[in-house]
Amino acid sequence: MKERGEPGEPGERGESGERGGVRGAYHHGALPEALVAAAFEVLDEQGQEKVSVREVARRAGVSAGAPFRHFADRQALLTALADRVLADFVRWQEAQVAAAEADGRAGDRAGAGPGSGSVMRAVGLGFVRYAVRHPRRFELVRSRVFTAVREPALREQLDGIDRALADVIAADQEAGRLRPGDPALVGLAGQALVYGLAQMIVDGYLPAGRAEELAAQVLDTFGQGIANRPVP
């Protein structure tokens, strides 16, 4: 499992030794962005329990009271951090979808059949991969998103994710890669599957070293269906 060190991610150190995206952002007058970047660093290093307004201010190089001009309290800061994690997750999933679509076009040209290159399968794999690679980000999103009521500050981004998933399912159905059905229900089933699988891996119930293999096998089983259909 990995939390830091990928090029361009919050928390990466530049050649000067300063943490990229924190003090540099503040020097350009973007204090809220600098504070969220600092919170991102703490999250990846130590988890959301250690994300405090005081520590974030220290890392951003400002007074302990400065963050309160932009965030009412720690919970508001965590919400902004969750929004940043969701944006990062969306970019990750967009790359997974692009790769799957390219594979699907190649499979179509090779006559691999309608089951090849399912974009929904790639989205499911991407979800598990992201959670296993960034378990602390996953835990933050789990605690802020998978709740009875969506936080208003996250609603726009979450609604966009829901629409994108519905579009992916509809496209797979039109291409013959998925059976017809209510995209919302198919999406809920898929989310429940990968969320539960990711949580089992992050919790240590399933081995992280087999995450990719297990995710592929589980998603393929889900895609094929487990009902024993009678032969007509």
Foldseek 3Di string as FASTA:
>chain_A
DAQDDDPPAQQDADPVRQGPQALVCVVVVNHLSNLLSLLSNCLSVPFNVPRALQSSCVSNVHDSCVCCVPAVGSVSSLVVNLLVLLVVLVVQLVVLLVVLVVFVVVCVVVVVDLQGSQSLLSSLLSLLVVCLNRVRSVVSCCVQPVDPDHDPVCVVSVVVVLVVQLVSVVVSCVSVNAPDDDSNVVVVVSCVVSNVLSVCCSVPVDPSVCSNVVSNVSSVCVRVDDDDDDDD
